[in-house]
Amino acid sequence: MPNRAGSSSSRMETLHEEDDYDSYGAESGWVEAKTHCDHLPSLSSDLTHIPIPSTPCNRCQHPIENWICLSCKVVLCSRFVNKHMLEHYQQTTHSIALSFSDLSVWCFTCDSYLDAQLIQQLRPFHETAYILKFGQAPPFRSVESSRVDDKPAMDVPSSS
């Protein structure tokens, strides 16, 4: 059987060969998003008027894996395509971007995902992107439901 360049296994091999990012915890599949970021003041003042999620990369016109800069609203491709959003950050220091693929928010300066549902400044943008992508408002979770209860478990008498 011929080796297909587009297969997911060959893509993963390529990604591991050119890792230029911290993949700590990648094996577990769990990433803890930050609930605070010092770079939020750089956000655009109008986060409700944004391009649609199917907008291609502004530089290479790649149709998928695109991110929107939350400072200037330019749409550029991810580090897994042609790295145009990463280059944009390096050239402008616009730190925060939202993925149109999964609606996650990344801060390049913090090198971390941000919780767009718990960070108040990000909620309007996340909600607008969600509505544009899925045609309905997102099911927001409350701060209380996202935290683990820190209270110790009460002793319950045994039934014996």
Protein backbone atom coordinates (compact mmCIF):
# COMPACT_ATOMS: atom_id res chain seq x y z
CA MET A 1 0.00 0.00 0.00
CA PRO A 2 1.48 3.40 -0.92
CA ASN A 3 2.41 5.85 1.84
CA ARG A 4 -0.12 8.68 1.79
CA ALA A 5 1.40 12.02 2.75
CA GLY A 6 -1.90 13.26 4.11
CA SER A 7 -2.37 10.47 6.63
CA SER A 8 -2.73 11.41 10.28
CA SER A 9 0.23 9.24 11.31
CA SER A 10 2.58 10.98 8.90
CA ARG A 11 1.22 14.35 10.02
CA MET A 12 1.92 13.48 13.66
CA GLU A 13 5.46 12.39 12.80
CA THR A 14 6.00 15.70 11.03
CA LEU A 15 4.61 17.64 13.98
CA HIS A 16 6.91 15.89 16.45
CA GLU A 17 9.92 16.53 14.22
CA GLU A 18 9.33 20.27 14.12
CA ASP A 19 8.07 20.90 17.63
CA ASP A 20 8.81 24.52 18.43
CA TYR A 21 6.34 24.77 21.25
CA ASP A 22 6.01 23.37 24.75
CA SER A 23 3.91 20.23 24.63
CA TYR A 24 4.00 19.54 28.38
CA GLY A 25 1.06 17.36 29.30
CA ALA A 26 0.22 16.60 25.67
CA GLU A 27 0.34 12.87 26.37
CA SER A 28 -2.54 13.14 28.83
CA GLY A 29 -4.78 15.15 26.49
CA TRP A 30 -5.72 17.53 29.31
CA VAL A 31 -4.80 21.21 29.24
CA GLU A 32 -5.59 23.55 32.11
CA ALA A 33 -6.77 26.90 30.75
CA LYS A 34 -5.86 30.03 32.69
CA THR A 35 -8.63 32.09 34.25
CA HIS A 36 -6.55 35.30 34.28
CA CYS A 37 -4.17 36.91 31.82
CA ASP A 38 -2.18 40.15 32.10
CA HIS A 39 -2.49 40.72 28.34
CA LEU A 40 -6.27 41.30 28.23
CA PRO A 41 -5.85 45.11 27.95
CA SER A 42 -4.63 44.53 24.38
CA LEU A 43 -8.04 43.20 23.26
CA SER A 44 -10.00 45.04 20.59
CA SER A 45 -12.67 47.30 22.04
CA ASP A 46 -15.26 45.74 19.68
CA LEU A 47 -15.30 41.99 20.09
CA THR A 48 -18.82 41.46 18.77
CA HIS A 49 -18.13 42.34 15.11
CA ILE A 50 -15.87 39.64 13.78
CA PRO A 51 -15.29 37.71 10.54
CA ILE A 52 -17.16 34.42 10.11
CA PRO A 53 -15.36 31.23 11.21
CA SER A 54 -14.95 30.03 7.60
CA THR A 55 -12.77 33.05 6.75
CA PRO A 56 -9.50 31.86 5.13
CA CYS A 57 -6.03 32.93 6.21
CA ASN A 58 -5.43 36.55 5.21
CA ARG A 59 -1.93 35.72 3.85
CA CYS A 60 -2.11 32.27 2.23
CA GLN A 61 -5.89 31.78 1.85
CA HIS A 62 -5.72 28.39 3.63
CA PRO A 63 -9.33 27.48 4.44
CA ILE A 64 -8.94 25.67 7.79
CA GLU A 65 -6.98 25.81 11.09
CA ASN A 66 -7.35 29.59 11.21
CA TRP A 67 -7.19 31.92 14.19
CA ILE A 68 -8.44 35.46 14.70
CA CYS A 69 -6.26 38.01 16.47
CA LEU A 70 -8.29 39.52 19.31
CA SER A 71 -6.38 42.79 19.07
CA CYS A 72 -6.74 43.68 15.37
CA LYS A 73 -9.15 40.91 14.17
CA VAL A 74 -6.95 39.69 11.32
CA VAL A 75 -7.53 35.99 10.45
CA LEU A 76 -4.37 33.92 9.98
CA CYS A 77 -3.48 30.22 9.86
CA SER A 78 -2.14 28.14 12.74
CA ARG A 79 1.34 26.90 13.48
CA PHE A 80 0.26 23.55 11.99
CA VAL A 81 -0.33 25.14 8.58
CA ASN A 82 1.94 28.05 7.62
CA LYS A 83 2.39 29.66 11.07
CA HIS A 84 1.01 33.04 9.98
CA MET A 85 -0.69 33.76 13.33
CA LEU A 86 2.53 32.94 15.17
CA GLU A 87 4.44 35.29 12.83
CA HIS A 88 1.79 37.98 13.43
CA TYR A 89 2.35 37.71 17.19
CA GLN A 90 6.14 37.87 16.75
CA GLN A 91 5.85 40.97 14.53
CA THR A 92 3.14 42.85 16.45
CA THR A 93 3.12 41.41 20.00
CA HIS A 94 -0.66 40.97 19.70
CA SER A 95 -0.82 38.21 22.29
CA ILE A 96 -4.33 36.76 22.25
CA ALA A 97 -6.05 34.82 19.47
CA LEU A 98 -9.12 32.60 19.10
CA SER A 99 -9.14 29.40 17.07
CA PHE A 100 -11.99 29.14 14.60
CA SER A 101 -11.50 25.34 14.67
CA ASP A 102 -12.42 24.72 18.30
CA LEU A 103 -13.05 28.26 19.66
CA SER A 104 -10.19 27.95 22.14
CA VAL A 105 -8.33 31.12 23.11
CA TRP A 106 -4.52 31.22 23.28
CA CYS A 107 -2.18 33.81 24.76
CA PHE A 108 1.16 33.65 22.97
CA THR A 109 2.93 35.68 25.66
CA CYS A 110 1.65 33.50 28.52
CA ASP A 111 2.09 30.39 26.33
CA SER A 112 -1.24 29.16 27.61
CA TYR A 113 -4.88 28.62 26.76
CA LEU A 114 -7.33 31.05 28.37
CA ASP A 115 -10.77 30.10 29.65
CA ALA A 116 -13.02 32.19 27.41
CA GLN A 117 -16.12 31.32 29.39
CA LEU A 118 -14.75 32.41 32.76
CA ILE A 119 -12.74 35.47 31.70
CA GLN A 120 -15.38 38.21 31.42
CA GLN A 121 -13.46 40.22 28.79
CA LEU A 122 -13.40 37.20 26.43
CA ARG A 123 -17.03 36.12 26.80
CA PRO A 124 -18.55 38.50 24.19
CA PHE A 125 -16.03 37.40 21.59
CA HIS A 126 -16.40 33.70 22.37
CA GLU A 127 -20.19 33.97 22.33
CA THR A 128 -20.20 35.79 18.96
CA ALA A 129 -17.80 33.25 17.42
CA TYR A 130 -19.91 30.38 18.79
CA ILE A 131 -23.13 31.85 17.35
CA LEU A 132 -21.46 32.40 13.96
CA LYS A 133 -20.16 28.83 13.94
CA PHE A 134 -23.12 26.90 15.40
CA GLY A 135 -26.13 29.22 14.95
CA GLN A 136 -27.00 29.33 18.65
CA ALA A 137 -25.69 30.78 21.89
CA PRO A 138 -23.12 28.69 23.78
CA PRO A 139 -24.06 26.84 26.96
CA PHE A 140 -22.02 28.92 29.42
CA ARG A 141 -20.98 27.35 32.68
CA SER A 142 -20.86 29.24 35.94
CA VAL A 143 -17.73 29.88 37.97
CA GLU A 144 -19.09 27.62 40.72
CA SER A 145 -19.66 24.65 38.41
CA SER A 146 -16.14 24.85 37.00
CA ARG A 147 -14.35 24.64 40.35
CA VAL A 148 -13.73 21.51 42.36
CA ASP A 149 -15.32 21.68 45.80
CA ASP A 150 -12.47 22.27 48.25
CA LYS A 151 -14.52 21.33 51.33
CA PRO A 152 -13.54 18.06 53.00
CA ALA A 153 -16.01 15.22 52.68
CA MET A 154 -18.26 14.76 55.71
CA ASP A 155 -17.98 11.54 57.65
CA VAL A 156 -20.98 9.38 56.92
CA PRO A 157 -21.80 6.70 59.49
CA SER A 158 -21.64 3.19 58.12
CA SER A 159 -24.85 1.24 57.79
CA SER A 160 -23.52 -1.85 59.56
